[in-house]
């Protein structure tokens, strides 16, 4: 009788542990999905505002569709770091504008939809590292000798976005509230897992 009741108690405890683990896994998947969608929207919003001049960071007159350059304003004002002259040289170049805008759009769509997360994480991380280098938070002073206003010399929002992209890609976060499961069934993706 004691052995039987002990076995029943063990089974009940195991069932509760399994249920708790499942709830935590679901909550973790939902949290990663929210992180994925909001991070993707950061890229999508930047594309939309720069393309159409929604009046937030970009005025309508400076919109890409109105002939404005999405890279000129930011890159021409770079005033810190060892790549200052390089960023000034490419500011407003047609190829830089196209690469930047296509990158924002592709990364934003892929991450929001939960497809191609590995490629989006690589491209997004590269973009964020380049933008980090343009702001060069390591510098305390600009090339003109003024305070750089850097709030953290190493980890700024570009690094956080890059880490978020890597995390959602590694976790396969496109499966929850995204098209990741469907994407993984496509023959080309099944044959080339790096496309996940």
N, C-alpha and C. Protein backbone atom coordinates (compact mmCIF):
# COMPACT_ATOMS: atom_id res chain seq x y z
N UNK A 1 0.83 -1.18 0.00
CA UNK A 1 0.00 0.00 0.00
C UNK A 1 0.87 1.25 0.00
N UNK A 2 1.93 1.27 0.80
CA UNK A 2 2.82 2.43 0.85
C UNK A 2 3.53 2.61 -0.48
N UNK A 3 3.97 1.52 -1.07
CA UNK A 3 4.66 1.60 -2.35
C UNK A 3 3.73 2.14 -3.42
N UNK A 4 2.45 1.74 -3.38
CA UNK A 4 1.48 2.19 -4.37
C UNK A 4 1.20 3.68 -4.22
N UNK A 5 1.02 4.19 -3.01
CA UNK A 5 0.74 5.61 -2.82
C UNK A 5 1.98 6.45 -3.14
N UNK A 6 3.17 5.90 -2.85
CA UNK A 6 4.40 6.62 -3.20
C UNK A 6 4.52 6.74 -4.71
N UNK A 7 4.17 5.66 -5.41
CA UNK A 7 4.23 5.67 -6.87
C UNK A 7 3.25 6.67 -7.44
N UNK A 8 2.06 6.75 -6.84
CA UNK A 8 1.05 7.72 -7.30
C UNK A 8 1.51 9.14 -7.07
N UNK A 9 2.16 9.39 -5.92
CA UNK A 9 2.66 10.73 -5.62
C UNK A 9 3.76 11.11 -6.60
N UNK A 10 4.62 10.14 -6.94
CA UNK A 10 5.70 10.40 -7.90
C UNK A 10 5.13 10.72 -9.27
N UNK A 11 4.11 9.97 -9.68
CA UNK A 11 3.48 10.21 -10.98
C UNK A 11 2.84 11.59 -11.01
N UNK A 12 2.19 12.00 -9.94
CA UNK A 12 1.57 13.33 -9.86
C UNK A 12 2.61 14.43 -9.91
N UNK A 13 3.71 14.24 -9.19
CA UNK A 13 4.79 15.24 -9.20
C UNK A 13 5.41 15.35 -10.58
N UNK A 14 5.59 14.22 -11.25
CA UNK A 14 6.15 14.21 -12.60
C UNK A 14 5.21 14.92 -13.57
N UNK A 15 3.92 14.68 -13.41
CA UNK A 15 2.94 15.33 -14.29
C UNK A 15 2.95 16.85 -14.08
N UNK A 16 3.04 17.28 -12.82
CA UNK A 16 3.08 18.73 -12.54
C UNK A 16 4.36 19.35 -13.10
N UNK A 17 5.48 18.65 -12.95
CA UNK A 17 6.76 19.15 -13.47
C UNK A 17 6.70 19.25 -14.99
N UNK A 18 6.13 18.24 -15.64
CA UNK A 18 6.00 18.25 -17.09
C UNK A 18 5.11 19.39 -17.55
N UNK A 19 4.00 19.60 -16.84
CA UNK A 19 3.08 20.69 -17.19
C UNK A 19 3.74 22.04 -17.00
N UNK A 20 4.49 22.20 -15.90
CA UNK A 20 5.19 23.46 -15.64
C UNK A 20 6.25 23.71 -16.71
N UNK A 21 6.98 22.68 -17.10
CA UNK A 21 8.00 22.82 -18.14
C UNK A 21 7.36 23.21 -19.46
N UNK A 22 6.21 22.62 -19.79
CA UNK A 22 5.51 22.95 -21.03
C UNK A 22 5.03 24.40 -21.04
N UNK A 23 4.51 24.86 -19.90
CA UNK A 23 4.06 26.25 -19.80
C UNK A 23 5.24 27.20 -19.96
N UNK A 24 6.37 26.87 -19.34
CA UNK A 24 7.56 27.72 -19.47
C UNK A 24 8.07 27.73 -20.89
N UNK A 25 8.04 26.58 -21.56
CA UNK A 25 8.48 26.51 -22.96
C UNK A 25 7.57 27.34 -23.84
N UNK A 26 6.25 27.26 -23.62
CA UNK A 26 5.31 28.08 -24.39
C UNK A 26 5.56 29.56 -24.13
N UNK A 27 5.76 29.93 -22.87
CA UNK A 27 6.01 31.33 -22.53
C UNK A 27 7.31 31.81 -23.16
N UNK A 28 8.32 30.96 -23.17
CA UNK A 28 9.60 31.31 -23.80
C UNK A 28 9.45 31.49 -25.29
N UNK A 29 8.67 30.60 -25.93
CA UNK A 29 8.44 30.72 -27.38
C UNK A 29 7.68 31.99 -27.71
N UNK A 30 6.71 32.33 -26.88
CA UNK A 30 5.93 33.56 -27.09
C UNK A 30 6.83 34.78 -26.88
N UNK A 31 7.66 34.76 -25.85
CA UNK A 31 8.56 35.89 -25.59
C UNK A 31 9.52 36.09 -26.77
N UNK A 32 10.05 35.00 -27.31
CA UNK A 32 10.95 35.11 -28.46
C UNK A 32 10.20 35.59 -29.71
N UNK A 33 8.95 35.17 -29.85
CA UNK A 33 8.15 35.64 -30.99
C UNK A 33 7.91 37.14 -30.88
N UNK A 34 7.61 37.62 -29.68
CA UNK A 34 7.40 39.06 -29.47
C UNK A 34 8.70 39.81 -29.76
N UNK A 35 9.83 39.29 -29.28
CA UNK A 35 11.13 39.90 -29.56
C UNK A 35 11.39 39.93 -31.06
N UNK A 36 11.09 38.83 -31.74
CA UNK A 36 11.30 38.74 -33.19
C UNK A 36 10.46 39.77 -33.94
N UNK A 37 9.18 39.83 -33.62
CA UNK A 37 8.27 40.73 -34.34
C UNK A 37 8.64 42.19 -34.08
N UNK A 38 8.92 42.53 -32.84
CA UNK A 38 9.25 43.93 -32.54
C UNK A 38 10.59 44.33 -33.14
N UNK A 39 11.55 43.43 -33.14
CA UNK A 39 12.85 43.73 -33.76
C UNK A 39 12.68 43.88 -35.27
N UNK A 40 11.91 43.00 -35.88
CA UNK A 40 11.65 43.12 -37.31
C UNK A 40 10.97 44.43 -37.64
N UNK A 41 10.05 44.86 -36.78
CA UNK A 41 9.34 46.10 -37.03
C UNK A 41 10.25 47.32 -36.94
N UNK A 42 11.30 47.24 -36.12
CA UNK A 42 12.28 48.33 -36.06
C UNK A 42 12.88 48.55 -37.45
N UNK A 43 13.25 47.46 -38.12
CA UNK A 43 13.83 47.55 -39.46
C UNK A 43 12.78 48.00 -40.48
N UNK A 44 11.57 47.44 -40.39
CA UNK A 44 10.51 47.83 -41.32
C UNK A 44 10.15 49.30 -41.18
N UNK A 45 10.04 49.77 -39.94
CA UNK A 45 9.68 51.17 -39.72
C UNK A 45 10.76 52.10 -40.29
N UNK A 46 12.01 51.75 -40.06
CA UNK A 46 13.10 52.58 -40.60
C UNK A 46 13.01 52.64 -42.12
N UNK A 47 12.71 51.51 -42.76
CA UNK A 47 12.54 51.50 -44.21
C UNK A 47 11.39 52.40 -44.63
N UNK A 48 10.23 52.21 -44.01
CA UNK A 48 9.04 52.98 -44.39
C UNK A 48 9.23 54.48 -44.18
N UNK A 49 9.81 54.86 -43.06
CA UNK A 49 10.01 56.28 -42.78
C UNK A 49 10.99 56.91 -43.76
N UNK A 50 12.08 56.20 -44.07
CA UNK A 50 13.06 56.75 -45.00
C UNK A 50 12.53 56.72 -46.45
N UNK A 51 11.76 55.71 -46.78
CA UNK A 51 11.24 55.60 -48.15
C UNK A 51 10.15 56.63 -48.43
N UNK A 52 9.25 56.83 -47.48
CA UNK A 52 8.07 57.66 -47.73
C UNK A 52 8.02 58.96 -46.93
N UNK A 53 9.02 59.19 -46.09
CA UNK A 53 9.06 60.43 -45.32
C UNK A 53 7.84 60.61 -44.45
N UNK A 54 7.66 59.73 -43.49
CA UNK A 54 6.48 59.75 -42.64
C UNK A 54 6.49 60.86 -41.60
N UNK A 55 7.58 61.63 -41.59
CA UNK A 55 7.63 62.78 -40.70
C UNK A 55 8.21 62.51 -39.33
N UNK A 56 8.77 61.37 -39.11
CA UNK A 56 9.41 61.08 -37.82
C UNK A 56 10.91 61.38 -37.95
N UNK A 57 11.70 60.43 -38.39
CA UNK A 57 13.13 60.72 -38.61
C UNK A 57 13.34 61.38 -39.97
N UNK A 58 12.40 61.17 -40.89
CA UNK A 58 12.55 61.69 -42.26
C UNK A 58 11.35 62.53 -42.65
N UNK A 59 11.60 63.76 -43.05
CA UNK A 59 10.53 64.62 -43.54
C UNK A 59 10.13 64.17 -44.94
N UNK A 60 8.90 64.47 -45.33
CA UNK A 60 8.39 64.05 -46.64
C UNK A 60 9.27 64.56 -47.78
N UNK A 61 9.78 65.77 -47.66
CA UNK A 61 10.62 66.34 -48.72
C UNK A 61 11.93 65.57 -48.89
N UNK A 62 12.39 64.89 -47.83
CA UNK A 62 13.64 64.14 -47.88
C UNK A 62 13.43 62.65 -48.11
N UNK A 63 12.19 62.23 -48.38
CA UNK A 63 11.89 60.81 -48.59
C UNK A 63 12.64 60.28 -49.80
N UNK A 64 12.95 59.01 -49.75
CA UNK A 64 13.65 58.35 -50.85
C UNK A 64 12.85 58.47 -52.14
N UNK A 65 11.52 58.31 -52.05
CA UNK A 65 10.70 58.39 -53.26
C UNK A 65 10.65 59.80 -53.82
N UNK A 66 11.03 60.78 -53.03
CA UNK A 66 11.08 62.17 -53.50
C UNK A 66 12.49 62.60 -53.87
N UNK A 67 13.39 61.63 -54.00
CA UNK A 67 14.76 61.93 -54.41
C UNK A 67 15.75 62.13 -53.28
N UNK A 68 15.29 61.96 -52.05
CA UNK A 68 16.19 62.09 -50.90
C UNK A 68 17.11 60.88 -50.79
N UNK A 69 18.17 61.05 -50.07
CA UNK A 69 19.14 59.98 -49.85
C UNK A 69 19.02 59.46 -48.43
N UNK A 70 18.73 58.15 -48.28
CA UNK A 70 18.62 57.60 -46.92
C UNK A 70 19.95 57.53 -46.17
N UNK A 71 21.07 57.61 -46.87
CA UNK A 71 22.36 57.49 -46.19
C UNK A 71 23.08 58.82 -46.02
N UNK A 72 22.74 59.81 -46.84
CA UNK A 72 23.51 61.05 -46.84
C UNK A 72 23.48 61.79 -45.50
N UNK A 73 22.31 61.97 -44.94
CA UNK A 73 22.21 62.71 -43.69
C UNK A 73 22.99 62.07 -42.56
N UNK A 74 22.81 60.78 -42.39
CA UNK A 74 23.46 60.07 -41.29
C UNK A 74 24.97 59.99 -41.51
N UNK A 75 25.39 59.52 -42.67
CA UNK A 75 26.81 59.28 -42.90
C UNK A 75 27.61 60.56 -43.07
N UNK A 76 27.01 61.60 -43.60
CA UNK A 76 27.75 62.85 -43.77
C UNK A 76 27.97 63.56 -42.43
N UNK A 77 27.20 63.20 -41.42
CA UNK A 77 27.36 63.82 -40.09
C UNK A 77 28.24 62.98 -39.15
N UNK A 78 28.79 61.88 -39.64
CA UNK A 78 29.69 61.09 -38.79
C UNK A 78 30.86 61.97 -38.40
N UNK A 79 31.10 62.08 -37.10
CA UNK A 79 32.14 62.98 -36.61
C UNK A 79 33.07 62.31 -35.61
N UNK A 80 33.10 60.98 -35.63
CA UNK A 80 33.94 60.24 -34.69
C UNK A 80 34.49 59.00 -35.37
N UNK A 81 35.54 58.47 -34.80
CA UNK A 81 36.04 57.16 -35.17
C UNK A 81 37.00 57.12 -36.34
N UNK A 82 37.64 55.97 -36.49
CA UNK A 82 38.67 55.82 -37.53
C UNK A 82 38.09 55.71 -38.95
N UNK A 83 36.78 55.52 -39.08
CA UNK A 83 36.17 55.36 -40.40
C UNK A 83 35.40 56.60 -40.84
N UNK A 84 35.61 57.71 -40.16
CA UNK A 84 34.87 58.94 -40.43
C UNK A 84 34.96 59.33 -41.91
N UNK A 85 36.15 59.36 -42.47
CA UNK A 85 36.31 59.78 -43.86
C UNK A 85 35.70 58.76 -44.83
N UNK A 86 35.76 57.50 -44.48
CA UNK A 86 35.16 56.45 -45.33
C UNK A 86 33.65 56.63 -45.38
N UNK A 87 33.03 56.84 -44.23
CA UNK A 87 31.58 57.04 -44.21
C UNK A 87 31.18 58.32 -44.94
N UNK A 88 31.98 59.37 -44.83
CA UNK A 88 31.70 60.61 -45.56
C UNK A 88 31.76 60.36 -47.07
N UNK A 89 32.72 59.53 -47.49
CA UNK A 89 32.91 59.27 -48.92
C UNK A 89 31.73 58.51 -49.53
N UNK A 90 31.09 57.65 -48.76
CA UNK A 90 29.98 56.86 -49.32
C UNK A 90 28.61 57.48 -49.03
N UNK A 91 28.58 58.54 -48.25
CA UNK A 91 27.31 59.20 -47.91
C UNK A 91 26.60 59.65 -49.18
N UNK A 92 25.38 59.17 -49.38
CA UNK A 92 24.58 59.58 -50.53
C UNK A 92 24.87 58.85 -51.82
N UNK A 93 25.83 57.93 -51.83
CA UNK A 93 26.11 57.16 -53.05
C UNK A 93 24.89 56.30 -53.38
N UNK A 94 24.55 56.23 -54.67
CA UNK A 94 23.34 55.49 -55.06
C UNK A 94 23.38 54.05 -54.59
N UNK A 95 24.55 53.40 -54.69
CA UNK A 95 24.65 52.00 -54.30
C UNK A 95 24.50 51.82 -52.79
N UNK A 96 25.01 52.80 -52.02
CA UNK A 96 24.87 52.74 -50.56
C UNK A 96 23.40 52.90 -50.17
N UNK A 97 22.70 53.83 -50.85
CA UNK A 97 21.27 54.02 -50.59
C UNK A 97 20.49 52.75 -50.89
N UNK A 98 20.74 52.15 -52.05
CA UNK A 98 20.01 50.93 -52.44
C UNK A 98 20.32 49.76 -51.50
N UNK A 99 21.58 49.56 -51.19
CA UNK A 99 21.93 48.46 -50.28
C UNK A 99 21.30 48.66 -48.91
N UNK A 100 21.36 49.87 -48.41
CA UNK A 100 20.80 50.17 -47.09
C UNK A 100 19.30 49.94 -47.07
N UNK A 101 18.59 50.48 -48.06
CA UNK A 101 17.14 50.36 -48.09
C UNK A 101 16.68 48.92 -48.35
N UNK A 102 17.33 48.24 -49.27
CA UNK A 102 16.97 46.83 -49.51
C UNK A 102 17.28 45.99 -48.29
N UNK A 103 18.37 46.30 -47.60
CA UNK A 103 18.70 45.59 -46.37
C UNK A 103 17.65 45.80 -45.30
N UNK A 104 17.25 47.05 -45.09
CA UNK A 104 16.21 47.33 -44.09
C UNK A 104 14.92 46.59 -44.41
N UNK A 105 14.51 46.64 -45.69
CA UNK A 105 13.27 45.98 -46.09
C UNK A 105 13.35 44.47 -45.95
N UNK A 106 14.41 43.88 -46.49
CA UNK A 106 14.53 42.42 -46.46
C UNK A 106 14.66 41.89 -45.03
N UNK A 107 15.47 42.54 -44.21
CA UNK A 107 15.64 42.11 -42.82
C UNK A 107 14.32 42.29 -42.07
N UNK A 108 13.67 43.42 -42.27
CA UNK A 108 12.40 43.69 -41.59
C UNK A 108 11.33 42.69 -41.94
N UNK A 109 11.16 42.40 -43.22
CA UNK A 109 10.13 41.44 -43.66
C UNK A 109 10.46 40.04 -43.15
N UNK A 110 11.72 39.62 -43.34
CA UNK A 110 12.10 38.26 -42.93
C UNK A 110 11.93 38.05 -41.43
N UNK A 111 12.40 38.99 -40.64
CA UNK A 111 12.35 38.81 -39.19
C UNK A 111 10.91 38.91 -38.69
N UNK A 112 10.15 39.87 -39.19
CA UNK A 112 8.75 39.99 -38.77
C UNK A 112 7.97 38.73 -39.14
N UNK A 113 8.19 38.22 -40.35
CA UNK A 113 7.47 37.03 -40.81
C UNK A 113 8.01 35.74 -40.21
N UNK A 114 9.25 35.75 -39.74
CA UNK A 114 9.84 34.55 -39.15
C UNK A 114 10.44 33.60 -40.16
N UNK A 115 10.87 34.13 -41.30
CA UNK A 115 11.47 33.30 -42.35
C UNK A 115 12.88 33.78 -42.65
N UNK A 116 13.74 32.87 -43.06
CA UNK A 116 15.10 33.25 -43.40
C UNK A 116 15.83 33.94 -42.27
N UNK A 117 15.56 33.50 -41.05
CA UNK A 117 16.12 34.18 -39.88
C UNK A 117 17.64 34.13 -39.81
N UNK A 118 18.22 33.05 -40.30
CA UNK A 118 19.69 32.96 -40.24
C UNK A 118 20.34 34.01 -41.14
N UNK A 119 19.85 34.11 -42.37
CA UNK A 119 20.38 35.12 -43.28
C UNK A 119 20.09 36.53 -42.78
N UNK A 120 18.87 36.73 -42.27
CA UNK A 120 18.50 38.04 -41.74
C UNK A 120 19.37 38.41 -40.54
N UNK A 121 19.70 37.44 -39.71
CA UNK A 121 20.55 37.71 -38.55
C UNK A 121 21.95 38.10 -38.99
N UNK A 122 22.48 37.44 -40.01
CA UNK A 122 23.81 37.78 -40.50
C UNK A 122 23.80 39.18 -41.12
N UNK A 123 22.84 39.43 -42.02
CA UNK A 123 22.76 40.73 -42.68
C UNK A 123 22.48 41.85 -41.68
N UNK A 124 21.56 41.60 -40.76
CA UNK A 124 21.22 42.62 -39.77
C UNK A 124 22.36 42.91 -38.82
N UNK A 125 23.08 41.88 -38.42
CA UNK A 125 24.22 42.06 -37.53
C UNK A 125 25.31 42.86 -38.24
N UNK A 126 25.56 42.56 -39.50
CA UNK A 126 26.55 43.32 -40.27
C UNK A 126 26.12 44.79 -40.37
N UNK A 127 24.84 45.02 -40.68
CA UNK A 127 24.35 46.39 -40.77
C UNK A 127 24.49 47.12 -39.43
N UNK A 128 24.14 46.45 -38.35
CA UNK A 128 24.23 47.08 -37.04
C UNK A 128 25.68 47.37 -36.64
N UNK A 129 26.59 46.47 -36.99
CA UNK A 129 28.00 46.71 -36.68
C UNK A 129 28.55 47.89 -37.48
N UNK A 130 28.13 48.02 -38.73
CA UNK A 130 28.55 49.17 -39.53
C UNK A 130 27.99 50.47 -38.94
N UNK A 131 26.74 50.44 -38.51
CA UNK A 131 26.15 51.64 -37.90
C UNK A 131 26.81 51.94 -36.55
N UNK A 132 27.17 50.90 -35.82
CA UNK A 132 27.90 51.08 -34.57
C UNK A 132 29.24 51.76 -34.86
N UNK A 133 29.92 51.30 -35.91
CA UNK A 133 31.21 51.88 -36.28
C UNK A 133 31.05 53.34 -36.71
N UNK A 134 29.92 53.66 -37.34
CA UNK A 134 29.68 55.05 -37.76
C UNK A 134 29.47 55.95 -36.55
N UNK A 135 28.81 55.45 -35.54
CA UNK A 135 28.61 56.26 -34.32
C UNK A 135 29.79 56.17 -33.37
N UNK A 136 30.59 55.16 -33.51
CA UNK A 136 31.81 54.90 -32.75
C UNK A 136 31.67 55.31 -31.28
N UNK A 137 30.88 54.55 -30.52
CA UNK A 137 30.62 54.91 -29.12
C UNK A 137 31.85 54.83 -28.23
N UNK A 138 32.95 54.30 -28.72
CA UNK A 138 34.18 54.25 -27.94
C UNK A 138 34.77 55.65 -27.72
N UNK A 139 34.45 56.56 -28.63
CA UNK A 139 35.03 57.91 -28.55
C UNK A 139 34.32 58.76 -27.52
N UNK A 140 35.08 59.45 -26.71
CA UNK A 140 34.51 60.40 -25.75
C UNK A 140 34.31 61.77 -26.39
N UNK A 141 35.09 62.05 -27.45
CA UNK A 141 35.03 63.35 -28.10
C UNK A 141 34.94 63.17 -29.61
N UNK A 142 34.27 64.10 -30.27
CA UNK A 142 34.19 64.09 -31.73
C UNK A 142 35.51 64.58 -32.31
N UNK A 143 35.62 64.53 -33.63
CA UNK A 143 36.84 65.01 -34.28
C UNK A 143 37.00 66.52 -34.10
N UNK A 144 35.92 67.23 -33.77
CA UNK A 144 36.00 68.67 -33.50
C UNK A 144 36.31 68.96 -32.03
N UNK A 145 36.45 67.92 -31.21
CA UNK A 145 36.79 68.10 -29.81
C UNK A 145 35.60 68.25 -28.87
N UNK A 146 34.39 68.12 -29.38
CA UNK A 146 33.20 68.24 -28.55
C UNK A 146 32.87 66.88 -27.93
N UNK A 147 32.13 66.85 -26.81
CA UNK A 147 31.73 65.56 -26.23
C UNK A 147 30.91 64.75 -27.23
N UNK A 148 31.20 63.46 -27.31
CA UNK A 148 30.52 62.61 -28.29
C UNK A 148 29.10 62.24 -27.86
N UNK A 149 28.80 62.40 -26.60
CA UNK A 149 27.49 62.05 -26.03
C UNK A 149 27.25 60.53 -26.03
N UNK A 150 28.31 59.76 -26.12
CA UNK A 150 28.19 58.31 -26.04
C UNK A 150 27.76 57.93 -24.63
N UNK A 151 26.74 57.09 -24.53
CA UNK A 151 26.25 56.69 -23.21
C UNK A 151 26.86 55.39 -22.72
N UNK A 152 27.43 54.60 -23.64
CA UNK A 152 28.08 53.36 -23.29
C UNK A 152 29.13 53.09 -24.35
N UNK A 153 30.38 52.95 -23.99
CA UNK A 153 31.42 52.82 -25.00
C UNK A 153 31.42 51.51 -25.78
N UNK A 154 30.68 50.53 -25.36
CA UNK A 154 30.73 49.25 -26.04
C UNK A 154 29.34 48.78 -26.48
N UNK A 155 28.42 48.66 -25.54
CA UNK A 155 27.11 48.09 -25.85
C UNK A 155 26.08 49.21 -25.99
N UNK A 156 25.73 49.53 -27.23
CA UNK A 156 24.66 50.48 -27.48
C UNK A 156 23.51 49.75 -28.16
N UNK A 157 22.52 50.48 -28.61
CA UNK A 157 21.34 49.84 -29.18
C UNK A 157 21.63 49.03 -30.43
N UNK A 158 22.67 49.37 -31.19
CA UNK A 158 23.01 48.57 -32.37
C UNK A 158 23.44 47.16 -31.96
N UNK A 159 24.19 47.06 -30.89
CA UNK A 159 24.64 45.75 -30.40
C UNK A 159 23.44 44.96 -29.87
N UNK A 160 22.52 45.64 -29.17
CA UNK A 160 21.33 44.96 -28.65
C UNK A 160 20.50 44.40 -29.79
N UNK A 161 20.29 45.18 -30.85
CA UNK A 161 19.53 44.69 -32.01
C UNK A 161 20.23 43.49 -32.65
N UNK A 162 21.56 43.56 -32.77
CA UNK A 162 22.31 42.44 -33.35
C UNK A 162 22.15 41.19 -32.50
N UNK A 163 22.25 41.33 -31.19
CA UNK A 163 22.09 40.18 -30.29
C UNK A 163 20.66 39.62 -30.39
N UNK A 164 19.68 40.50 -30.48
CA UNK A 164 18.29 40.05 -30.62
C UNK A 164 18.11 39.26 -31.92
N UNK A 165 18.68 39.74 -33.01
CA UNK A 165 18.59 39.02 -34.29
C UNK A 165 19.22 37.63 -34.19
N UNK A 166 20.39 37.58 -33.59
CA UNK A 166 21.09 36.29 -33.44
C UNK A 166 20.28 35.36 -32.55
N UNK A 167 19.72 35.87 -31.46
CA UNK A 167 18.96 35.04 -30.52
C UNK A 167 17.72 34.44 -31.19
N UNK A 168 16.96 35.25 -31.92
CA UNK A 168 15.74 34.71 -32.53
C UNK A 168 16.08 33.74 -33.65
N UNK A 169 17.20 33.95 -34.34
CA UNK A 169 17.61 33.01 -35.39
C UNK A 169 18.04 31.68 -34.77
N UNK A 170 18.87 31.73 -33.74
CA UNK A 170 19.35 30.49 -33.10
C UNK A 170 18.22 29.71 -32.45
N UNK A 171 17.23 30.43 -31.92
CA UNK A 171 16.11 29.77 -31.24
C UNK A 171 15.04 29.28 -32.21
N UNK A 172 15.17 29.62 -33.48
CA UNK A 172 14.13 29.23 -34.44
C UNK A 172 12.80 29.88 -34.10
N UNK A 173 12.85 31.16 -33.73
CA UNK A 173 11.67 31.85 -33.22
C UNK A 173 10.61 32.14 -34.28
N UNK A 174 10.85 31.76 -35.51
CA UNK A 174 9.85 31.97 -36.55
C UNK A 174 8.70 30.99 -36.50
N UNK A 175 8.84 29.93 -35.72
CA UNK A 175 7.79 28.91 -35.64
C UNK A 175 6.58 29.36 -34.85
N UNK A 176 6.77 30.27 -33.92
CA UNK A 176 5.66 30.79 -33.11
C UNK A 176 5.25 32.14 -33.67
N UNK A 177 3.97 32.27 -34.01
CA UNK A 177 3.41 33.51 -34.55
C UNK A 177 4.15 33.98 -35.79
N UNK A 178 4.63 33.04 -36.57
CA UNK A 178 5.34 33.37 -37.79
C UNK A 178 5.18 32.28 -38.83
N UNK A 179 5.85 32.45 -39.94
CA UNK A 179 5.77 31.50 -41.05
C UNK A 179 6.94 30.53 -41.07
N UNK A 180 7.66 30.44 -39.96
CA UNK A 180 8.86 29.60 -39.89
C UNK A 180 8.63 28.13 -40.17
N UNK A 181 7.54 27.57 -39.66
CA UNK A 181 7.27 26.13 -39.90
C UNK A 181 7.01 25.88 -41.38
N UNK A 182 6.18 26.74 -41.98
CA UNK A 182 5.90 26.60 -43.41
C UNK A 182 7.18 26.79 -44.22
N UNK A 183 7.97 27.81 -43.88
CA UNK A 183 9.21 28.11 -44.58
C UNK A 183 10.14 26.89 -44.57
N UNK A 184 10.23 26.22 -43.43
CA UNK A 184 11.13 25.06 -43.29
C UNK A 184 10.70 23.88 -44.16
N UNK A 185 9.42 23.85 -44.59
CA UNK A 185 8.96 22.74 -45.43
C UNK A 185 9.23 22.96 -46.91
N UNK A 186 9.61 24.16 -47.30
CA UNK A 186 9.91 24.42 -48.70
C UNK A 186 11.11 23.58 -49.12
N UNK A 187 11.05 22.94 -50.30
CA UNK A 187 12.14 22.05 -50.72
C UNK A 187 13.52 22.71 -50.70
N UNK A 188 13.63 23.94 -51.18
CA UNK A 188 14.94 24.59 -51.22
C UNK A 188 15.46 24.86 -49.81
N UNK A 189 14.59 25.16 -48.89
CA UNK A 189 14.99 25.41 -47.50
C UNK A 189 15.33 24.09 -46.81
N UNK A 190 14.54 23.04 -47.11
CA UNK A 190 14.84 21.72 -46.55
C UNK A 190 16.21 21.23 -47.02
N UNK A 191 16.55 21.51 -48.27
CA UNK A 191 17.83 21.06 -48.81
C UNK A 191 19.01 21.93 -48.38
N UNK A 192 18.73 23.18 -48.02
CA UNK A 192 19.77 24.12 -47.63
C UNK A 192 19.38 24.76 -46.30
N UNK A 193 19.72 24.10 -45.23
CA UNK A 193 19.27 24.55 -43.90
C UNK A 193 19.77 25.94 -43.53
N UNK A 194 20.81 26.43 -44.18
CA UNK A 194 21.30 27.78 -43.87
C UNK A 194 20.27 28.83 -44.28
N UNK A 195 19.27 28.45 -45.08
CA UNK A 195 18.22 29.39 -45.47
C UNK A 195 17.14 29.55 -44.40
N UNK A 196 17.21 28.74 -43.35
CA UNK A 196 16.20 28.85 -42.29
C UNK A 196 16.43 30.12 -41.56
